[in-house]
Amino acid sequence: MDSLRVVPGASASALAPCSQCEAAGCQWDQVMGRPFCPDCEEALALGQGPPLVLRTRPGRCAVCDRQGTVPFLTFPLHAAAPVEIDLCGHHFRALLGRRLTPDAFHQLARRLRAVEVRPDQVFLLHEVFYDVQGRALQPVLDLGGQ
């Protein structure tokens, strides 16, 4: 299975409430099938609230090809279907914390374009958070030394 893929059947659960605050009505990103609204993603990245403990799945990271990943499902703006990205722990934390390196950003951007999705259609890769060189503009501070 490819480490970055379009998932047409995932739209059925697209309006599930946030697994943390139960906010409803939007297509939230999902981590291992658990929906997270943007506010709860931010809180998670800041280390506020309960920690997210996940068991990795077999598979390769879409950025670095490292074995052992967390599936991250996102609903790109104006896309026909969601996209699932398998990320190693390091790149999952970097994506969530809006602190991908330029190389990692460009690798994800290339992979997304291959499935006809622009990076700015993905909330955590939006141009508000990264410039055209892939530099993080609003990174969440790394509070846990991760």
Protein backbone atom coordinates (compact mmCIF):
# COMPACT_ATOMS: atom_id res chain seq x y z
CA MET A 1 0.00 0.00 0.00
CA ASP A 2 1.27 3.48 -0.86
CA SER A 3 2.20 5.71 2.09
CA LEU A 4 0.13 8.61 0.70
CA ARG A 5 -3.17 7.74 -0.92
CA VAL A 6 -6.61 9.02 -1.81
CA VAL A 7 -9.29 7.24 0.25
CA PRO A 8 -12.66 7.61 -1.54
CA GLY A 9 -14.66 5.46 0.92
CA ALA A 10 -13.58 7.48 3.98
CA SER A 11 -16.08 10.25 3.29
CA ALA A 12 -18.84 8.23 5.01
CA SER A 13 -17.49 9.16 8.46
CA ALA A 14 -16.47 12.66 7.39
CA LEU A 15 -18.76 14.47 9.83
CA ALA A 16 -17.90 12.55 12.99
CA PRO A 17 -17.53 14.81 16.05
CA CYS A 18 -14.09 15.64 17.43
CA SER A 19 -12.86 12.82 19.64
CA GLN A 20 -11.68 15.32 22.26
CA CYS A 21 -14.21 18.18 22.50
CA GLU A 22 -17.08 16.64 20.50
CA ALA A 23 -17.36 19.66 18.16
CA ALA A 24 -19.36 18.57 15.13
CA GLY A 25 -20.37 19.68 11.70
CA CYS A 26 -17.04 19.68 9.82
CA GLN A 27 -14.67 17.23 8.25
CA TRP A 28 -11.96 16.93 10.89
CA ASP A 29 -8.53 15.45 10.36
CA GLN A 30 -8.29 11.93 11.75
CA VAL A 31 -5.40 10.24 13.54
CA MET A 32 -5.77 6.45 13.48
CA GLY A 33 -9.48 6.95 12.83
CA ARG A 34 -9.99 9.43 15.69
CA PRO A 35 -11.27 12.85 14.52
CA PHE A 36 -9.53 15.99 15.83
CA CYS A 37 -10.82 19.54 15.24
CA PRO A 38 -8.19 22.25 14.58
CA ASP A 39 -8.40 23.55 18.17
CA CYS A 40 -7.77 20.08 19.61
CA GLU A 41 -4.93 19.50 17.11
CA GLU A 42 -3.38 22.72 18.37
CA ALA A 43 -3.83 21.68 21.99
CA LEU A 44 -2.27 18.31 21.21
CA ALA A 45 0.70 19.98 19.51
CA LEU A 46 1.12 22.28 22.55
CA GLY A 47 1.07 19.34 24.95
CA GLN A 48 -2.15 20.52 26.58
CA GLY A 49 -4.70 17.95 27.64
CA PRO A 50 -4.22 14.20 27.69
CA PRO A 51 -1.27 12.84 25.71
CA LEU A 52 -1.98 10.92 22.54
CA VAL A 53 -0.43 7.48 22.85
CA LEU A 54 -0.51 5.49 19.63
CA ARG A 55 0.83 2.15 18.52
CA THR A 56 2.46 2.47 15.13
CA ARG A 57 1.38 0.31 12.24
CA PRO A 58 3.62 -1.47 9.79
CA GLY A 59 4.29 0.70 6.80
CA ARG A 60 6.70 3.32 5.51
CA CYS A 61 6.69 7.05 6.26
CA ALA A 62 5.58 9.20 3.31
CA VAL A 63 8.44 11.59 4.07
CA CYS A 64 11.48 9.53 5.11
CA ASP A 65 10.49 5.92 4.30
CA ARG A 66 11.10 4.90 7.94
CA GLN A 67 9.24 1.75 9.06
CA GLY A 68 6.41 2.16 11.62
CA THR A 69 3.77 4.81 10.98
CA VAL A 70 0.68 6.61 12.21
CA PRO A 71 -2.07 7.08 9.59
CA PHE A 72 -3.18 10.71 9.27
CA LEU A 73 -6.38 11.25 7.28
CA THR A 74 -7.11 14.77 6.08
CA PHE A 75 -9.86 16.31 3.98
CA PRO A 76 -8.17 18.70 1.51
CA LEU A 77 -10.18 21.78 0.65
CA HIS A 78 -12.25 21.27 -2.54
CA ALA A 79 -10.91 17.74 -3.06
CA ALA A 80 -13.19 14.91 -4.14
CA ALA A 81 -11.94 12.55 -1.42
CA PRO A 82 -9.75 12.59 1.68
CA VAL A 83 -6.07 11.73 1.63
CA GLU A 84 -4.38 9.41 4.11
CA ILE A 85 -0.70 9.94 4.86
CA ASP A 86 1.40 7.41 6.77
CA LEU A 87 3.93 9.24 8.93
CA CYS A 88 6.62 8.08 11.34
CA GLY A 89 6.35 9.49 14.86
CA HIS A 90 8.90 12.21 14.15
CA HIS A 91 7.15 13.49 11.02
CA PHE A 92 3.68 13.14 12.54
CA ARG A 93 4.73 15.41 15.45
CA ALA A 94 6.40 17.82 13.01
CA LEU A 95 3.29 18.00 10.79
CA LEU A 96 1.00 18.50 13.77
CA GLY A 97 3.33 21.13 15.25
CA ARG A 98 3.68 22.95 11.92
CA ARG A 99 7.44 22.54 12.06
CA LEU A 100 8.35 20.32 9.15
CA THR A 101 11.76 21.00 7.69
CA PRO A 102 11.75 22.47 4.18
CA ASP A 103 12.90 19.11 2.78
CA ALA A 104 10.06 17.26 4.55
CA PHE A 105 7.54 19.89 3.43
CA HIS A 106 8.65 19.59 -0.20
CA GLN A 107 8.58 15.78 -0.06
CA LEU A 108 4.96 15.86 1.17
CA ALA A 109 4.11 18.54 -1.42
CA ARG A 110 5.51 16.35 -4.23
CA ARG A 111 3.59 13.32 -2.96
CA LEU A 112 0.35 15.32 -2.69
CA ARG A 113 0.71 16.76 -6.19
CA ALA A 114 1.05 13.19 -7.49
CA VAL A 115 -2.55 12.59 -6.30
CA GLU A 116 -3.65 16.01 -7.61
CA VAL A 117 -3.80 17.78 -4.26
CA ARG A 118 -1.98 21.05 -3.63
CA PRO A 119 -0.28 21.45 -0.23
CA ASP A 120 -2.29 24.61 0.52
CA GLN A 121 -5.47 22.50 0.33
CA VAL A 122 -4.30 20.63 3.46
CA PHE A 123 -4.93 22.62 6.64
CA LEU A 124 -1.61 21.83 8.37
CA LEU A 125 0.38 22.61 5.20
CA HIS A 126 -1.46 25.82 4.32
CA GLU A 127 0.46 28.87 3.11
CA VAL A 128 -0.33 30.61 6.41
CA PHE A 129 1.94 28.03 8.09
CA TYR A 130 4.64 27.52 5.40
CA ASP A 131 6.19 29.81 2.80
CA VAL A 132 6.92 28.72 -0.79
CA GLN A 133 10.39 27.52 0.25
CA GLY A 134 8.77 25.22 2.81
CA ARG A 135 9.94 27.18 5.84
CA ALA A 136 7.65 27.03 8.87
CA LEU A 137 6.07 30.43 9.52
CA GLN A 138 4.08 29.60 12.67
CA PRO A 139 5.63 26.54 14.28
CA VAL A 140 4.33 25.26 17.57
CA LEU A 141 7.22 25.24 20.02
CA ASP A 142 8.63 21.80 20.74
CA LEU A 143 7.66 21.63 24.41
CA GLY A 144 8.38 17.97 24.99
CA GLY A 145 11.85 17.67 23.47
CA GLN A 146 10.37 15.33 20.88
